[in-house]
PDB file of N, CA and C in Angstrom:
ATOM      1  N   UNK A   1       5.815  13.615  -4.078  1.00  0.00           N
ATOM      2  CA  UNK A   1       4.868  12.610  -3.595  1.00  0.00           C
ATOM      3  C   UNK A   1       5.039  11.336  -4.423  1.00  0.00           C
ATOM      4  N   UNK A   2       5.042  10.204  -3.764  1.00  0.00           N
ATOM      5  CA  UNK A   2       5.200   8.912  -4.416  1.00  0.00           C
ATOM      6  C   UNK A   2       3.843   8.259  -4.624  1.00  0.00           C
ATOM      7  N   UNK A   3       3.719   7.506  -5.703  1.00  0.00           N
ATOM      8  CA  UNK A   3       2.594   6.586  -5.803  1.00  0.00           C
ATOM      9  C   UNK A   3       2.903   5.428  -4.880  1.00  0.00           C
ATOM     10  N   UNK A   4       1.880   4.843  -4.314  1.00  0.00           N
ATOM     11  CA  UNK A   4       2.096   3.794  -3.314  1.00  0.00           C
ATOM     12  C   UNK A   4       2.928   2.646  -3.879  1.00  0.00           C
ATOM     13  N   UNK A   5       2.608   2.184  -5.098  1.00  0.00           N
ATOM     14  CA  UNK A   5       3.348   1.049  -5.662  1.00  0.00           C
ATOM     15  C   UNK A   5       4.803   1.419  -5.938  1.00  0.00           C
ATOM     16  N   UNK A   6       5.049   2.676  -6.360  1.00  0.00           N
ATOM     17  CA  UNK A   6       6.427   3.123  -6.588  1.00  0.00           C
ATOM     18  C   UNK A   6       7.221   3.133  -5.286  1.00  0.00           C
ATOM     19  N   UNK A   7       6.598   3.612  -4.231  1.00  0.00           N
ATOM     20  CA  UNK A   7       7.269   3.656  -2.930  1.00  0.00           C
ATOM     21  C   UNK A   7       7.562   2.247  -2.435  1.00  0.00           C
ATOM     22  N   UNK A   8       6.606   1.344  -2.602  1.00  0.00           N
ATOM     23  CA  UNK A   8       6.821  -0.050  -2.189  1.00  0.00           C
ATOM     24  C   UNK A   8       8.005  -0.644  -2.944  1.00  0.00           C
ATOM     25  N   UNK A   9       8.031  -0.442  -4.255  1.00  0.00           N
ATOM     26  CA  UNK A   9       9.128  -0.981  -5.070  1.00  0.00           C
ATOM     27  C   UNK A   9      10.467  -0.372  -4.672  1.00  0.00           C
ATOM     28  N   UNK A  10      10.479   0.926  -4.413  1.00  0.00           N
ATOM     29  CA  UNK A  10      11.712   1.604  -4.016  1.00  0.00           C
ATOM     30  C   UNK A  10      12.239   1.039  -2.696  1.00  0.00           C
ATOM     31  N   UNK A  11      11.355   0.836  -1.742  1.00  0.00           N
ATOM     32  CA  UNK A  11      11.754   0.301  -0.438  1.00  0.00           C
ATOM     33  C   UNK A  11      12.271  -1.123  -0.578  1.00  0.00           C
ATOM     34  N   UNK A  12      11.560  -1.953  -1.310  1.00  0.00           N
ATOM     35  CA  UNK A  12      11.995  -3.340  -1.498  1.00  0.00           C
ATOM     36  C   UNK A  12      13.350  -3.384  -2.191  1.00  0.00           C
ATOM     37  N   UNK A  13      13.528  -2.570  -3.224  1.00  0.00           N
ATOM     38  CA  UNK A  13      14.809  -2.530  -3.942  1.00  0.00           C
ATOM     39  C   UNK A  13      15.940  -2.096  -3.002  1.00  0.00           C
ATOM     40  N   UNK A  14      15.706  -1.059  -2.207  1.00  0.00           N
ATOM     41  CA  UNK A  14      16.715  -0.586  -1.255  1.00  0.00           C
ATOM     42  C   UNK A  14      17.066  -1.681  -0.254  1.00  0.00           C
ATOM     43  N   UNK A  15      16.050  -2.370   0.249  1.00  0.00           N
ATOM     44  CA  UNK A  15      16.286  -3.427   1.229  1.00  0.00           C
ATOM     45  C   UNK A  15      17.039  -4.603   0.605  1.00  0.00           C
ATOM     46  N   UNK A  16      16.748  -4.929  -0.643  1.00  0.00           N
ATOM     47  CA  UNK A  16      17.488  -5.997  -1.330  1.00  0.00           C
ATOM     48  C   UNK A  16      18.950  -5.616  -1.491  1.00  0.00           C
ATOM     49  N   UNK A  17      19.202  -4.376  -1.885  1.00  0.00           N
ATOM     50  CA  UNK A  17      20.582  -3.901  -2.061  1.00  0.00           C
ATOM     51  C   UNK A  17      21.384  -3.957  -0.765  1.00  0.00           C
ATOM     52  N   UNK A  18      20.706  -3.792   0.359  1.00  0.00           N
ATOM     53  CA  UNK A  18      21.380  -3.767   1.658  1.00  0.00           C
ATOM     54  C   UNK A  18      21.217  -5.073   2.434  1.00  0.00           C
ATOM     55  N   UNK A  19      20.823  -6.124   1.727  1.00  0.00           N
ATOM     56  CA  UNK A  19      20.752  -7.476   2.293  1.00  0.00           C
ATOM     57  C   UNK A  19      19.932  -7.524   3.585  1.00  0.00           C
ATOM     58  N   UNK A  20      18.765  -6.901   3.545  1.00  0.00           N
ATOM     59  CA  UNK A  20      17.927  -6.791   4.741  1.00  0.00           C
ATOM     60  C   UNK A  20      17.260  -8.100   5.137  1.00  0.00           C
ATOM     61  N   UNK A  21      17.410  -9.135   4.331  1.00  0.00           N
ATOM     62  CA  UNK A  21      16.881 -10.434   4.765  1.00  0.00           C
ATOM     63  C   UNK A  21      17.775 -11.037   5.847  1.00  0.00           C
ATOM     64  N   UNK A  22      19.036 -10.612   5.896  1.00  0.00           N
ATOM     65  CA  UNK A  22      19.971 -11.092   6.927  1.00  0.00           C
ATOM     66  C   UNK A  22      20.290 -10.022   7.965  1.00  0.00           C
ATOM     67  N   UNK A  23      20.380  -8.786   7.519  1.00  0.00           N
ATOM     68  CA  UNK A  23      20.756  -7.675   8.388  1.00  0.00           C
ATOM     69  C   UNK A  23      19.639  -6.636   8.361  1.00  0.00           C
ATOM     70  N   UNK A  24      18.816  -6.590   9.394  1.00  0.00           N
ATOM     71  CA  UNK A  24      17.662  -5.684   9.373  1.00  0.00           C
ATOM     72  C   UNK A  24      18.090  -4.217   9.357  1.00  0.00           C
ATOM     73  N   UNK A  25      17.213  -3.400   8.807  1.00  0.00           N
ATOM     74  CA  UNK A  25      17.466  -1.968   8.692  1.00  0.00           C
ATOM     75  C   UNK A  25      16.495  -1.181   9.564  1.00  0.00           C
ATOM     76  N   UNK A  26      16.961  -0.054  10.078  1.00  0.00           N
ATOM     77  CA  UNK A  26      16.092   0.844  10.837  1.00  0.00           C
ATOM     78  C   UNK A  26      15.195   1.611   9.866  1.00  0.00           C
ATOM     79  N   UNK A  27      14.060   2.037  10.377  1.00  0.00           N
ATOM     80  CA  UNK A  27      13.141   2.843   9.574  1.00  0.00           C
ATOM     81  C   UNK A  27      13.862   4.072   9.035  1.00  0.00           C
ATOM     82  N   UNK A  28      14.678   4.714   9.867  1.00  0.00           N
ATOM     83  CA  UNK A  28      15.423   5.907   9.461  1.00  0.00           C
ATOM     84  C   UNK A  28      16.362   5.611   8.292  1.00  0.00           C
ATOM     85  N   UNK A  29      17.054   4.476   8.330  1.00  0.00           N
ATOM     86  CA  UNK A  29      17.970   4.117   7.247  1.00  0.00           C
ATOM     87  C   UNK A  29      17.214   3.938   5.936  1.00  0.00           C
ATOM     88  N   UNK A  30      16.067   3.292   6.015  1.00  0.00           N
ATOM     89  CA  UNK A  30      15.249   3.073   4.821  1.00  0.00           C
ATOM     90  C   UNK A  30      14.720   4.409   4.303  1.00  0.00           C
ATOM     91  N   UNK A  31      14.241   5.248   5.196  1.00  0.00           N
ATOM     92  CA  UNK A  31      13.721   6.563   4.806  1.00  0.00           C
ATOM     93  C   UNK A  31      14.801   7.394   4.117  1.00  0.00           C
ATOM     94  N   UNK A  32      15.978   7.450   4.709  1.00  0.00           N
ATOM     95  CA  UNK A  32      17.074   8.221   4.118  1.00  0.00           C
ATOM     96  C   UNK A  32      17.481   7.651   2.765  1.00  0.00           C
ATOM     97  N   UNK A  33      17.561   6.328   2.669  1.00  0.00           N
ATOM     98  CA  UNK A  33      17.965   5.682   1.426  1.00  0.00           C
ATOM     99  C   UNK A  33      16.956   5.830   0.307  1.00  0.00           C
ATOM    100  N   UNK A  34      15.695   6.016   0.665  1.00  0.00           N
ATOM    101  CA  UNK A  34      14.625   6.155  -0.334  1.00  0.00           C
ATOM    102  C   UNK A  34      14.167   7.602  -0.487  1.00  0.00           C
ATOM    103  N   UNK A  35      14.866   8.516   0.181  1.00  0.00           N
ATOM    104  CA  UNK A  35      14.573   9.945   0.077  1.00  0.00           C
ATOM    105  C   UNK A  35      13.118  10.273   0.420  1.00  0.00           C
ATOM    106  N   UNK A  36      12.681   9.787   1.582  1.00  0.00           N
ATOM    107  CA  UNK A  36      11.332  10.085   2.061  1.00  0.00           C
ATOM    108  C   UNK A  36      11.390  10.309   3.561  1.00  0.00           C
ATOM    109  N   UNK A  37      10.316  10.826   4.110  1.00  0.00           N
ATOM    110  CA  UNK A  37      10.288  11.072   5.554  1.00  0.00           C
ATOM    111  C   UNK A  37      10.200   9.745   6.309  1.00  0.00           C
ATOM    112  N   UNK A  38      10.571   9.783   7.562  1.00  0.00           N
ATOM    113  CA  UNK A  38      10.476   8.594   8.408  1.00  0.00           C
ATOM    114  C   UNK A  38       9.019   8.152   8.518  1.00  0.00           C
ATOM    115  N   UNK A  39       8.121   9.116   8.588  1.00  0.00           N
ATOM    116  CA  UNK A  39       6.696   8.793   8.732  1.00  0.00           C
ATOM    117  C   UNK A  39       6.151   8.107   7.483  1.00  0.00           C
ATOM    118  N   UNK A  40       6.574   8.583   6.307  1.00  0.00           N
ATOM    119  CA  UNK A  40       6.148   7.945   5.059  1.00  0.00           C
ATOM    120  C   UNK A  40       6.738   6.544   4.967  1.00  0.00           C
ATOM    121  N   UNK A  41       8.016   6.407   5.301  1.00  0.00           N
ATOM    122  CA  UNK A  41       8.654   5.090   5.247  1.00  0.00           C
ATOM    123  C   UNK A  41       7.957   4.115   6.186  1.00  0.00           C
ATOM    124  N   UNK A  42       7.648   4.559   7.380  1.00  0.00           N
ATOM    125  CA  UNK A  42       6.959   3.685   8.346  1.00  0.00           C
ATOM    126  C   UNK A  42       5.596   3.256   7.815  1.00  0.00           C
ATOM    127  N   UNK A  43       4.869   4.180   7.218  1.00  0.00           N
ATOM    128  CA  UNK A  43       3.558   3.862   6.639  1.00  0.00           C
ATOM    129  C   UNK A  43       3.700   2.789   5.554  1.00  0.00           C
ATOM    130  N   UNK A  44       4.627   3.007   4.619  1.00  0.00           N
ATOM    131  CA  UNK A  44       4.807   2.048   3.527  1.00  0.00           C
ATOM    132  C   UNK A  44       5.326   0.706   4.042  1.00  0.00           C
ATOM    133  N   UNK A  45       6.197   0.724   5.036  1.00  0.00           N
ATOM    134  CA  UNK A  45       6.696  -0.524   5.619  1.00  0.00           C
ATOM    135  C   UNK A  45       5.573  -1.295   6.306  1.00  0.00           C
ATOM    136  N   UNK A  46       4.675  -0.591   6.963  1.00  0.00           N
ATOM    137  CA  UNK A  46       3.530  -1.269   7.582  1.00  0.00           C
ATOM    138  C   UNK A  46       2.633  -1.893   6.518  1.00  0.00           C
ATOM    139  N   UNK A  47       2.459  -1.199   5.398  1.00  0.00           N
ATOM    140  CA  UNK A  47       1.680  -1.760   4.290  1.00  0.00           C
ATOM    141  C   UNK A  47       2.363  -3.016   3.744  1.00  0.00           C
ATOM    142  N   UNK A  48       3.673  -2.967   3.568  1.00  0.00           N
ATOM    143  CA  UNK A  48       4.422  -4.131   3.084  1.00  0.00           C
ATOM    144  C   UNK A  48       4.370  -5.273   4.088  1.00  0.00           C
ATOM    145  N   UNK A  49       4.321  -4.947   5.359  1.00  0.00           N
ATOM    146  CA  UNK A  49       4.210  -5.971   6.396  1.00  0.00           C
ATOM    147  C   UNK A  49       2.872  -6.699   6.297  1.00  0.00           C
ATOM    148  N   UNK A  50       1.810  -5.971   5.996  1.00  0.00           N
ATOM    149  CA  UNK A  50       0.492  -6.591   5.819  1.00  0.00           C
ATOM    150  C   UNK A  50       0.479  -7.558   4.638  1.00  0.00           C
ATOM    151  N   UNK A  51       1.357  -7.308   3.662  1.00  0.00           N
ATOM    152  CA  UNK A  51       1.479  -8.173   2.487  1.00  0.00           C
ATOM    153  C   UNK A  51       2.520  -9.277   2.703  1.00  0.00           C
ATOM    154  N   UNK A  52       3.082  -9.342   3.906  1.00  0.00           N
ATOM    155  CA  UNK A  52       4.100 -10.337   4.293  1.00  0.00           C
ATOM    156  C   UNK A  52       5.373 -10.236   3.447  1.00  0.00           C
ATOM    157  N   UNK A  53       5.723  -9.021   3.030  1.00  0.00           N
ATOM    158  CA  UNK A  53       6.947  -8.815   2.270  1.00  0.00           C
ATOM    159  C   UNK A  53       8.095  -8.370   3.167  1.00  0.00           C
ATOM    160  N   UNK A  54       7.766  -7.720   4.269  1.00  0.00           N
ATOM    161  CA  UNK A  54       8.762  -7.332   5.270  1.00  0.00           C
ATOM    162  C   UNK A  54       8.226  -7.710   6.637  1.00  0.00           C
ATOM    163  N   UNK A  55       9.142  -7.790   7.594  1.00  0.00           N
ATOM    164  CA  UNK A  55       8.741  -8.157   8.956  1.00  0.00           C
ATOM    165  C   UNK A  55       9.443  -7.247   9.960  1.00  0.00           C
ATOM    166  N   UNK A  56       8.682  -6.630  10.864  1.00  0.00           N
ATOM    167  CA  UNK A  56       9.312  -5.769  11.867  1.00  0.00           C
ATOM    168  C   UNK A  56       9.840  -6.579  13.043  1.00  0.00           C
ATOM    169  N   UNK A  57      10.893  -6.071  13.645  1.00  0.00           N
ATOM    170  CA  UNK A  57      11.411  -6.649  14.888  1.00  0.00           C
ATOM    171  C   UNK A  57      11.442  -5.524  15.906  1.00  0.00           C
ATOM    172  N   UNK A  58      10.630  -5.655  16.906  1.00  0.00           N
ATOM    173  CA  UNK A  58      10.578  -4.629  17.948  1.00  0.00           C
ATOM    174  C   UNK A  58      11.341  -5.137  19.165  1.00  0.00           C
ATOM    175  N   UNK A  59      12.277  -4.342  19.627  1.00  0.00           N
ATOM    176  CA  UNK A  59      13.104  -4.740  20.764  1.00  0.00           C
ATOM    177  C   UNK A  59      12.508  -4.308  22.093  1.00  0.00           C
ATOM    178  N   UNK A  60      11.559  -3.433  22.068  1.00  0.00           N
ATOM    179  CA  UNK A  60      10.961  -2.934  23.300  1.00  0.00           C
ATOM    180  C   UNK A  60      10.476  -1.517  23.121  1.00  0.00           C
ATOM    181  N   UNK A  61       9.789  -1.052  24.097  1.00  0.00           N
ATOM    182  CA  UNK A  61       9.212   0.284  24.024  1.00  0.00           C
ATOM    183  C   UNK A  61      10.304   1.347  23.893  1.00  0.00           C
ATOM    184  N   UNK A  62      10.118   2.239  22.944  1.00  0.00           N
ATOM    185  CA  UNK A  62      11.068   3.319  22.736  1.00  0.00           C
ATOM    186  C   UNK A  62      12.266   2.949  21.882  1.00  0.00           C
ATOM    187  N   UNK A  63      12.352   1.706  21.472  1.00  0.00           N
ATOM    188  CA  UNK A  63      13.472   1.256  20.642  1.00  0.00           C
ATOM    189  C   UNK A  63      13.125   1.429  19.172  1.00  0.00           C
ATOM    190  N   UNK A  64      14.136   1.532  18.337  1.00  0.00           N
ATOM    191  CA  UNK A  64      13.931   1.603  16.894  1.00  0.00           C
ATOM    192  C   UNK A  64      13.353   0.286  16.396  1.00  0.00           C
ATOM    193  N   UNK A  65      12.503   0.393  15.387  1.00  0.00           N
ATOM    194  CA  UNK A  65      11.983  -0.819  14.752  1.00  0.00           C
ATOM    195  C   UNK A  65      12.966  -1.210  13.659  1.00  0.00           C
ATOM    196  N   UNK A  66      13.380  -2.458  13.671  1.00  0.00           N
ATOM    197  CA  UNK A  66      14.241  -2.999  12.627  1.00  0.00           C
ATOM    198  C   UNK A  66      13.361  -3.784  11.665  1.00  0.00           C
ATOM    199  N   UNK A  67      13.661  -3.683  10.387  1.00  0.00           N
ATOM    200  CA  UNK A  67      12.834  -4.313   9.360  1.00  0.00           C
ATOM    201  C   UNK A  67      13.634  -5.344   8.582  1.00  0.00           C
ATOM    202  N   UNK A  68      13.089  -6.554   8.502  1.00  0.00           N
ATOM    203  CA  UNK A  68      13.656  -7.636   7.700  1.00  0.00           C
ATOM    204  C   UNK A  68      12.876  -7.753   6.401  1.00  0.00           C
ATOM    205  N   UNK A  69      13.561  -8.097   5.348  1.00  0.00           N
ATOM    206  CA  UNK A  69      12.926  -8.390   4.070  1.00  0.00           C
ATOM    207  C   UNK A  69      12.708  -9.891   3.994  1.00  0.00           C
ATOM    208  N   UNK A  70      11.477 -10.309   3.710  1.00  0.00           N
ATOM    209  CA  UNK A  70      11.206 -11.741   3.557  1.00  0.00           C
ATOM    210  C   UNK A  70      11.852 -12.230   2.276  1.00  0.00           C
ATOM    211  N   UNK A  71      12.354 -13.434   2.315  1.00  0.00           N
ATOM    212  CA  UNK A  71      12.988 -14.020   1.125  1.00  0.00           C
ATOM    213  C   UNK A  71      11.950 -14.522   0.165  1.00  0.00           C
TER     214      UNK A  71
END
């Protein structure tokens, strides 16, 4: 189990390493890279989105959500 701040830092670090400000990442890619479930990653990404640190891009219903890291 992660502390919320640790999970946020881990996700941000992973996204920085993968240049997610230019090339968005799928929730699954972030989850796998941070060794957490897709559901946990989505929860933490939504929290980061509320803080304006990441931004989701939805292509349509049933499509994967791509996540950008704000600069």
